[in-house]
Amino acid sequence: MRRLLVLGAGPAQLGLLEAARARGDVHVIAVDRDPLAVGLPLADERAVLSSEDEQGIDRLARAREVDGIVSPGADWPVGIAARVAERMGLAHPLDGATAAVATSKLRQRERFAAAGVPHARATTDLDAIALPCVVKAVDRQGQRGLGLVTEAAQLESAIAEARAASRGGGVLVEELIVGPEVTVNAVSVDGVFVPLLVTDRVTAEPPAFGVALAHVAPSDAADERSVAAAKAAVESVGISNGPSYTQLRVGADGPVVMEVAARLGGGHDAELVHAATGVDLNALAVAFALGEHPGAPAVECRGGGAIVFLVPPAGELTRVDGVEAATAQAGVEWVRVYRAPGHVFGELRRGADRAGAVLAVGRDRSEALDRATRAAESITFATE
């Protein structure tokens, strides 16, 4: 049995943990700072340890003599996995230098500029800011430290929030690109970029309790230019093996790359890829982490697919109803509930406090989205 160390055991890591377990020849060691993390029961060994504790991860990896390390669904531990693997002499899809670029928004933009990749213009010079703009922490993913500034009076507080969220205090200010947000899920095999699925990323604006739409495929907003831009971005970062997750906005002048992640998407993107194309991206990520050399996958179009996230009201969860009925509906691949009664949900923030998700497929994107939404709406979370 080969030993695989998985950094994180939350919702974003569920698909990979399931894929590793399904192989039958992998002994999975999972770490998470949350002792109640939803993915820990899928592991053979569990450690209550932050996936961002590099020294702790290094000690654990050496003590258990692991054969591979992987960080699915989370950016910062991607660098930790690559560096620890490099120090241990383990095969890994990324070297430490590439991982350092992949986990820094600032370094990525330097590579984009050098390679001519269309990307949002950015600055770290806080005296040269044009409004409207977007303020980000340079070393955080998702919505942490992210702020939209439309008036000068908002700028100081947005920068302070981004700086507080940043690990190193770095702040990036970039132009606001107006347009649909799309994601290119891909895998690179020995330097060959293989696009798998392009999805539309849909979120409620403003955020609201209830159903939050997240990913729908195939994309309505993207075209071959989006895939070409993602390919150029991934190659400029230096990713030659393993999965990648590229976020773009389709502006008035075409697609603009926002950022690249050298990992699986954290919103069940790999599971959506599998349902819509037949490519098991989670299994490929496991293979890469163990130093195997999978060939380029064959991609087939199977119609539409949609991931819908479930967002509960604030308060202590007392009961979840409707899961079985939702799972039984036509086209529903699965329903996942992340939290058990007793968990306390805070005030809703974009991308935070999700309680679960639904994956559905259909003949096209519209049918898949309708099925996922109906199933999600039949699930209720009681809180008090």
Protein backbone atom coordinates (compact mmCIF):
# COMPACT_ATOMS: atom_id res chain seq x y z
CA MET A 1 0.00 0.00 0.00
CA ARG A 2 1.43 3.37 -1.05
CA ARG A 3 0.98 6.19 1.43
CA LEU A 4 -0.60 9.43 0.24
CA LEU A 5 -0.69 12.50 2.47
CA VAL A 6 -3.71 14.71 1.69
CA LEU A 7 -3.58 18.28 2.95
CA GLY A 8 -7.10 19.17 4.01
CA ALA A 9 -10.21 17.08 4.58
CA GLY A 10 -13.00 19.58 4.08
CA PRO A 11 -15.62 19.77 1.31
CA ALA A 12 -13.00 20.82 -1.25
CA GLN A 13 -11.04 17.60 -0.68
CA LEU A 14 -13.93 15.11 -0.67
CA GLY A 15 -13.67 14.06 -4.31
CA LEU A 16 -9.95 13.33 -4.17
CA LEU A 17 -10.26 11.45 -0.88
CA GLU A 18 -12.97 9.28 -2.44
CA ALA A 19 -10.84 8.67 -5.54
CA ALA A 20 -7.81 7.68 -3.46
CA ARG A 21 -9.89 5.31 -1.35
CA ALA A 22 -11.48 3.75 -4.45
CA ARG A 23 -8.08 2.73 -5.87
CA GLY A 24 -7.62 0.06 -3.23
CA ASP A 25 -3.83 0.33 -3.28
CA VAL A 26 -3.43 3.64 -1.45
CA HIS A 27 -3.19 4.20 2.29
CA VAL A 28 -4.58 7.70 2.85
CA ILE A 29 -3.35 9.99 5.61
CA ALA A 30 -5.45 13.15 5.86
CA VAL A 31 -4.76 16.27 7.90
CA ASP A 32 -7.15 19.04 8.85
CA ARG A 33 -7.25 21.50 11.72
CA ASP A 34 -10.96 20.71 12.19
CA PRO A 35 -11.40 17.39 14.05
CA LEU A 36 -14.93 17.20 12.60
CA ALA A 37 -13.88 17.80 8.98
CA VAL A 38 -16.31 16.02 6.70
CA GLY A 39 -13.61 14.13 4.78
CA LEU A 40 -11.68 12.64 7.70
CA PRO A 41 -13.78 9.42 7.85
CA LEU A 42 -12.56 8.63 4.30
CA ALA A 43 -8.93 8.47 5.43
CA ASP A 44 -7.08 5.47 6.85
CA GLU A 45 -5.18 7.76 9.22
CA ARG A 46 -6.17 11.21 10.46
CA ALA A 47 -4.19 14.02 12.03
CA VAL A 48 -5.69 17.15 13.57
CA LEU A 49 -3.15 19.50 12.04
CA SER A 50 -3.44 22.63 9.94
CA SER A 51 -2.70 22.03 6.27
CA GLU A 52 -0.78 25.33 6.41
CA ASP A 53 1.63 24.15 9.13
CA GLU A 54 4.64 23.39 6.93
CA GLN A 55 6.89 22.18 9.73
CA GLY A 56 4.18 19.91 11.08
CA ILE A 57 3.41 18.55 7.61
CA ASP A 58 7.12 17.90 7.02
CA ARG A 59 7.49 16.00 10.30
CA LEU A 60 4.38 13.92 9.65
CA ALA A 61 5.37 13.09 6.07
CA ARG A 62 8.80 11.87 7.19
CA ALA A 63 7.49 9.96 10.19
CA ARG A 64 4.94 8.10 8.07
CA GLU A 65 7.36 7.72 5.13
CA VAL A 66 4.75 8.85 2.62
CA ASP A 67 5.05 8.22 -1.11
CA GLY A 68 3.20 11.35 -2.20
CA ILE A 69 1.67 14.61 -0.99
CA VAL A 70 -1.25 16.48 -2.52
CA SER A 71 -3.22 19.65 -1.81
CA PRO A 72 -6.57 19.56 -3.63
CA GLY A 73 -8.91 22.53 -3.46
CA ALA A 74 -6.67 24.92 -1.48
CA ASP A 75 -3.93 27.21 -2.80
CA TRP A 76 -1.42 27.84 -0.03
CA PRO A 77 -0.82 24.17 0.86
CA VAL A 78 0.04 23.57 -2.82
CA GLY A 79 3.38 25.21 -2.11
CA ILE A 80 3.82 23.26 1.12
CA ALA A 81 3.16 19.95 -0.66
CA ALA A 82 5.67 20.79 -3.39
CA ARG A 83 8.41 21.96 -1.01
CA VAL A 84 8.07 19.03 1.40
CA ALA A 85 8.05 16.56 -1.49
CA GLU A 86 11.13 18.24 -2.95
CA ARG A 87 13.01 18.08 0.36
CA MET A 88 12.09 14.39 0.76
CA GLY A 89 13.07 13.52 -2.80
CA LEU A 90 9.54 12.44 -3.72
CA ALA A 91 8.17 12.61 -7.24
CA HIS A 92 5.73 15.50 -7.50
CA PRO A 93 4.01 17.29 -10.41
CA LEU A 94 5.31 20.69 -9.25
CA ASP A 95 8.72 21.79 -8.07
CA GLY A 96 9.05 24.33 -5.28
CA ALA A 97 9.83 27.24 -7.61
CA THR A 98 6.75 26.66 -9.77
CA ALA A 99 4.55 26.26 -6.72
CA ALA A 100 5.83 29.60 -5.38
CA VAL A 101 4.62 31.32 -8.55
CA ALA A 102 1.34 29.43 -8.60
CA THR A 103 0.46 30.53 -5.06
CA SER A 104 1.25 34.25 -5.51
CA LYS A 105 -1.10 36.54 -7.40
CA LEU A 106 1.70 39.07 -7.84
CA ARG A 107 4.23 36.61 -9.27
CA GLN A 108 1.59 35.22 -11.59
CA ARG A 109 0.93 38.65 -13.04
CA GLU A 110 4.63 39.17 -13.65
CA ARG A 111 4.68 35.93 -15.64
CA PHE A 112 1.47 36.86 -17.49
CA ALA A 113 2.95 40.21 -18.52
CA ALA A 114 6.18 38.65 -19.73
CA ALA A 115 4.32 36.04 -21.80
CA GLY A 116 1.71 38.41 -23.22
CA VAL A 117 -1.20 36.69 -21.46
CA PRO A 118 -4.31 38.92 -21.37
CA HIS A 119 -4.82 39.71 -17.70
CA ALA A 120 -6.22 42.37 -15.40
CA ARG A 121 -3.79 45.26 -15.00
CA ALA A 122 -2.60 45.46 -11.43
CA THR A 123 -0.40 47.58 -9.21
CA THR A 124 1.10 47.48 -5.74
CA ASP A 125 1.63 51.26 -5.88
CA LEU A 126 -1.23 52.49 -3.72
CA ASP A 127 -0.74 56.06 -4.97
CA ALA A 128 -1.48 55.08 -8.58
CA ILE A 129 -4.98 53.67 -8.24
CA ALA A 130 -7.82 54.33 -10.67
CA LEU A 131 -11.40 53.64 -9.63
CA PRO A 132 -13.31 51.38 -9.81
CA CYS A 133 -10.86 48.71 -8.73
CA VAL A 134 -10.58 45.39 -6.94
CA VAL A 135 -8.37 45.03 -3.85
CA LYS A 136 -6.89 41.62 -3.02
CA ALA A 137 -4.51 39.93 -0.61
CA VAL A 138 -1.69 38.66 -2.81
CA ASP A 139 -1.47 35.26 -1.11
CA ARG A 140 -5.07 34.33 -0.37
CA GLN A 141 -7.63 32.44 -2.44
CA GLY A 142 -11.35 32.86 -2.93
CA GLN A 143 -12.97 35.82 -1.25
CA ARG A 144 -10.63 36.35 1.71
CA GLY A 145 -9.38 39.91 1.71
CA LEU A 146 -11.24 40.71 -1.53
CA GLY A 147 -12.95 44.08 -1.88
CA LEU A 148 -14.65 46.03 -4.66
CA VAL A 149 -13.96 49.76 -4.46
CA THR A 150 -16.16 52.16 -6.42
CA GLU A 151 -15.63 55.31 -4.33
CA ALA A 152 -12.47 56.87 -2.90
CA ALA A 153 -13.91 56.73 0.61
CA GLN A 154 -13.96 52.90 0.44
CA LEU A 155 -10.33 52.46 -0.55
CA GLU A 156 -8.58 52.79 2.80
CA SER A 157 -10.78 50.23 4.56
CA ALA A 158 -10.56 47.78 1.61
CA ILE A 159 -6.76 47.96 1.67
CA ALA A 160 -6.70 47.48 5.44
CA GLU A 161 -8.96 44.42 5.15
CA ALA A 162 -6.81 42.90 2.39
CA ARG A 163 -3.61 43.56 4.33
CA ALA A 164 -5.08 41.95 7.46
CA ALA A 165 -6.09 38.88 5.47
CA SER A 166 -2.73 38.54 3.71
CA ARG A 167 -0.17 36.17 5.21
CA GLY A 168 2.69 38.50 4.35
CA GLY A 169 0.81 41.80 4.34
CA GLY A 170 0.93 42.14 0.55
CA VAL A 171 -1.90 43.96 -1.22
CA LEU A 172 -2.71 43.95 -4.92
CA VAL A 173 -5.00 46.48 -6.60
CA GLU A 174 -6.26 45.64 -10.07
CA GLU A 175 -8.64 47.07 -12.62
CA LEU A 176 -12.25 45.98 -12.49
CA ILE A 177 -13.14 43.72 -15.41
CA VAL A 178 -16.87 43.68 -16.03
CA GLY A 179 -18.20 40.51 -17.59
CA PRO A 180 -19.14 36.89 -16.94
CA GLU A 181 -16.76 34.80 -14.88
CA VAL A 182 -15.69 31.48 -16.36
CA THR A 183 -13.38 28.69 -15.26
CA VAL A 184 -11.22 26.44 -17.39
CA ASN A 185 -10.56 23.07 -15.77
CA ALA A 186 -7.62 21.32 -17.40
CA VAL A 187 -4.79 18.87 -16.91
CA SER A 188 -1.25 19.10 -18.23
CA VAL A 189 0.67 15.96 -19.19
CA ASP A 190 4.39 16.34 -19.90
CA GLY A 191 3.89 19.91 -21.01
CA VAL A 192 0.76 19.28 -23.10
CA PHE A 193 -2.23 21.33 -21.93
CA VAL A 194 -5.50 19.37 -22.15
CA PRO A 195 -8.66 21.45 -21.59
CA LEU A 196 -11.41 19.38 -20.00
CA LEU A 197 -14.38 21.58 -19.15
CA VAL A 198 -15.21 25.28 -19.25
CA THR A 199 -17.86 26.38 -16.77
CA ASP A 200 -19.75 29.53 -15.96
CA ARG A 201 -19.26 30.62 -12.37
CA VAL A 202 -22.53 32.03 -11.07
CA THR A 203 -23.01 33.59 -7.65
CA ALA A 204 -25.88 35.41 -6.02
CA GLU A 205 -25.38 39.17 -6.00
CA PRO A 206 -25.95 40.31 -3.36
CA PRO A 207 -25.46 37.05 -1.44
CA ALA A 208 -28.67 35.63 -0.04
CA PHE A 209 -29.57 32.69 2.15
CA GLY A 210 -30.98 29.68 0.31
CA VAL A 211 -29.57 28.33 -2.94
CA ALA A 212 -26.31 29.76 -4.31
CA LEU A 213 -25.52 28.74 -7.88
CA ALA A 214 -21.85 28.06 -8.43
CA HIS A 215 -20.74 26.18 -11.57
CA VAL A 216 -22.66 25.38 -14.77
CA ALA A 217 -21.35 23.56 -17.85
CA PRO A 218 -20.87 23.92 -20.72
CA SER A 219 -20.15 27.65 -20.57
CA ASP A 220 -22.39 30.10 -22.38
CA ALA A 221 -19.92 32.96 -22.03
CA ALA A 222 -16.62 31.39 -23.12
CA ASP A 223 -15.24 30.46 -26.52
CA GLU A 224 -11.96 29.13 -27.90
CA ARG A 225 -10.24 32.39 -26.89
CA SER A 226 -10.89 31.59 -23.23
CA VAL A 227 -9.25 28.19 -23.56
CA ALA A 228 -6.29 29.74 -25.43
CA ALA A 229 -5.85 32.36 -22.71
CA ALA A 230 -5.98 29.69 -19.99
CA LYS A 231 -3.40 27.59 -21.85
CA ALA A 232 -1.05 30.56 -22.16
CA ALA A 233 -1.50 31.42 -18.48
CA VAL A 234 -0.85 27.88 -17.25
CA GLU A 235 2.25 27.57 -19.41
CA SER A 236 3.57 30.96 -18.29
CA VAL A 237 3.33 29.91 -14.65
CA GLY A 238 5.34 26.80 -15.48
CA ILE A 239 2.78 24.07 -14.86
CA SER A 240 3.70 21.11 -17.04
CA ASN A 241 2.07 18.26 -15.13
CA GLY A 242 -1.08 17.94 -13.05
CA PRO A 243 -4.44 19.69 -12.84
CA SER A 244 -5.00 23.40 -13.25
CA TYR A 245 -7.89 25.70 -12.55
CA THR A 246 -7.93 29.03 -14.40
CA GLN A 247 -10.40 31.80 -13.63
CA LEU A 248 -11.18 34.39 -16.30
CA ARG A 249 -13.62 37.18 -16.94
CA VAL A 250 -14.98 37.73 -20.41
CA GLY A 251 -14.79 41.49 -20.83
CA ALA A 252 -15.74 43.76 -23.69
CA ASP A 253 -12.44 43.04 -25.45
CA GLY A 254 -12.42 39.30 -24.81
CA PRO A 255 -11.28 36.95 -22.07
CA VAL A 256 -8.99 38.24 -19.32
CA VAL A 257 -7.17 35.89 -16.96
CA MET A 258 -7.70 36.64 -13.29
CA GLU A 259 -5.60 33.86 -11.75
CA VAL A 260 -4.35 30.29 -12.12
CA ALA A 261 -4.33 27.54 -9.50
CA ALA A 262 -2.10 24.48 -9.83
CA ARG A 263 -4.66 22.22 -8.22
CA LEU A 264 -8.21 20.92 -8.41
CA GLY A 265 -10.96 23.49 -8.05
CA GLY A 266 -12.40 23.76 -4.56
CA GLY A 267 -16.06 23.73 -5.60
CA HIS A 268 -16.37 20.06 -6.66
CA ASP A 269 -15.08 21.07 -10.08
CA ALA A 270 -13.34 17.74 -10.63
CA GLU A 271 -16.58 15.87 -9.92
CA LEU A 272 -18.39 18.09 -12.40
CA VAL A 273 -15.67 17.36 -14.98
CA HIS A 274 -16.16 13.63 -14.41
CA ALA A 275 -19.93 13.84 -14.80
CA ALA A 276 -19.80 16.00 -17.94
CA THR A 277 -16.79 14.52 -19.76
CA GLY A 278 -16.03 11.10 -18.30
CA VAL A 279 -12.54 12.21 -17.20
CA ASP A 280 -11.84 11.32 -13.57
CA LEU A 281 -9.73 14.35 -12.70
CA ASN A 282 -9.58 13.39 -9.02
CA ALA A 283 -8.02 10.03 -9.94
CA LEU A 284 -5.53 11.79 -12.22
CA ALA A 285 -4.51 14.12 -9.38
CA VAL A 286 -3.90 11.11 -7.11
CA ALA A 287 -1.77 9.47 -9.80
CA PHE A 288 0.32 12.61 -10.32
CA ALA A 289 0.85 13.00 -6.56
CA LEU A 290 2.16 9.43 -6.35
CA GLY A 291 4.67 10.04 -9.13
CA GLU A 292 2.81 8.03 -11.75
CA HIS A 293 2.67 9.15 -15.39
CA PRO A 294 -0.92 9.03 -16.63
CA GLY A 295 -1.46 9.66 -20.31
CA ALA A 296 -3.55 12.46 -21.75
CA PRO A 297 -7.22 11.66 -21.10
CA ALA A 298 -9.87 11.27 -23.79
CA VAL A 299 -12.60 13.87 -23.35
CA GLU A 300 -16.19 13.21 -24.42
CA CYS A 301 -19.18 15.54 -24.28
CA ARG A 302 -21.95 14.05 -22.15
CA GLY A 303 -24.30 17.02 -22.12
CA GLY A 304 -24.70 19.54 -19.34
CA GLY A 305 -23.82 19.58 -15.68
CA ALA A 306 -24.30 21.87 -12.70
CA ILE A 307 -23.08 22.21 -9.13
CA VAL A 308 -25.43 24.09 -6.83
CA PHE A 309 -24.33 25.01 -3.32
CA LEU A 310 -26.65 25.01 -0.33
CA VAL A 311 -26.55 28.03 1.94
CA PRO A 312 -28.30 27.86 5.35
CA PRO A 313 -29.62 30.65 7.56
CA ALA A 314 -27.38 31.79 10.41
CA GLY A 315 -27.63 29.97 13.69
CA GLU A 316 -27.13 26.52 15.19
CA LEU A 317 -28.11 23.69 12.84
CA THR A 318 -30.82 21.51 14.35
CA ARG A 319 -32.13 19.45 11.43
CA VAL A 320 -31.64 18.75 7.72
CA ASP A 321 -34.63 17.49 5.72
CA GLY A 322 -35.22 16.43 2.14
CA VAL A 323 -31.84 14.90 1.28
CA GLU A 324 -33.21 11.50 0.26
CA ALA A 325 -35.97 13.04 -1.85
CA ALA A 326 -33.49 15.35 -3.55
CA THR A 327 -31.08 12.49 -4.29
CA ALA A 328 -33.87 10.48 -5.92
CA GLN A 329 -34.73 13.19 -8.44
CA ALA A 330 -33.93 12.69 -12.13
CA GLY A 331 -30.40 13.59 -13.14
CA VAL A 332 -29.08 14.09 -9.60
CA GLU A 333 -25.68 12.43 -9.25
CA TRP A 334 -25.29 13.13 -5.56
CA VAL A 335 -26.23 15.41 -2.66
CA ARG A 336 -23.60 16.23 -0.07
CA VAL A 337 -24.27 17.76 3.33
CA TYR A 338 -21.15 19.04 5.04
CA ARG A 339 -22.30 19.72 8.57
CA ALA A 340 -24.07 17.81 11.32
CA PRO A 341 -26.63 19.20 13.78
CA GLY A 342 -24.91 21.37 16.38
CA HIS A 343 -22.75 23.24 13.89
CA VAL A 344 -23.15 27.00 14.12
CA PHE A 345 -23.36 28.93 10.86
CA GLY A 346 -22.29 32.55 10.93
CA GLU A 347 -23.52 35.50 8.94
CA LEU A 348 -23.32 34.76 5.25
CA ARG A 349 -20.19 35.81 3.38
CA ARG A 350 -19.72 35.16 -0.30
CA GLY A 351 -18.26 31.68 -0.68
CA ALA A 352 -18.42 30.94 3.06
CA ASP A 353 -20.69 28.92 5.31
CA ARG A 354 -21.86 26.56 2.60
CA ALA A 355 -23.82 23.69 4.09
CA GLY A 356 -23.70 21.29 1.16
CA ALA A 357 -23.94 20.87 -2.59
CA VAL A 358 -25.89 19.13 -5.34
CA LEU A 359 -24.44 17.76 -8.60
CA ALA A 360 -26.87 17.13 -11.46
CA VAL A 361 -26.55 16.33 -15.15
CA GLY A 362 -28.86 16.77 -18.12
CA ARG A 363 -29.07 16.79 -21.89
CA ASP A 364 -27.81 20.37 -21.84
CA ARG A 365 -26.77 23.00 -19.33
CA SER A 366 -30.31 24.30 -18.89
CA GLU A 367 -31.73 20.92 -17.94
CA ALA A 368 -28.81 20.18 -15.63
CA LEU A 369 -29.21 23.52 -13.86
CA ASP A 370 -32.98 23.08 -13.52
CA ARG A 371 -32.52 19.63 -12.01
CA ALA A 372 -29.83 20.76 -9.58
CA THR A 373 -31.85 23.79 -8.51
CA ARG A 374 -35.05 21.80 -7.94
CA ALA A 375 -33.17 19.24 -5.88
CA ALA A 376 -31.46 21.96 -3.84
CA GLU A 377 -34.72 23.75 -3.19
CA SER A 378 -36.22 20.57 -1.74
CA ILE A 379 -33.58 20.47 1.01
CA THR A 380 -34.16 22.52 4.15
CA PHE A 381 -31.80 23.46 6.96
CA ALA A 382 -33.42 24.30 10.28
CA THR A 383 -31.37 26.60 12.50
CA GLU A 384 -32.03 28.46 15.70
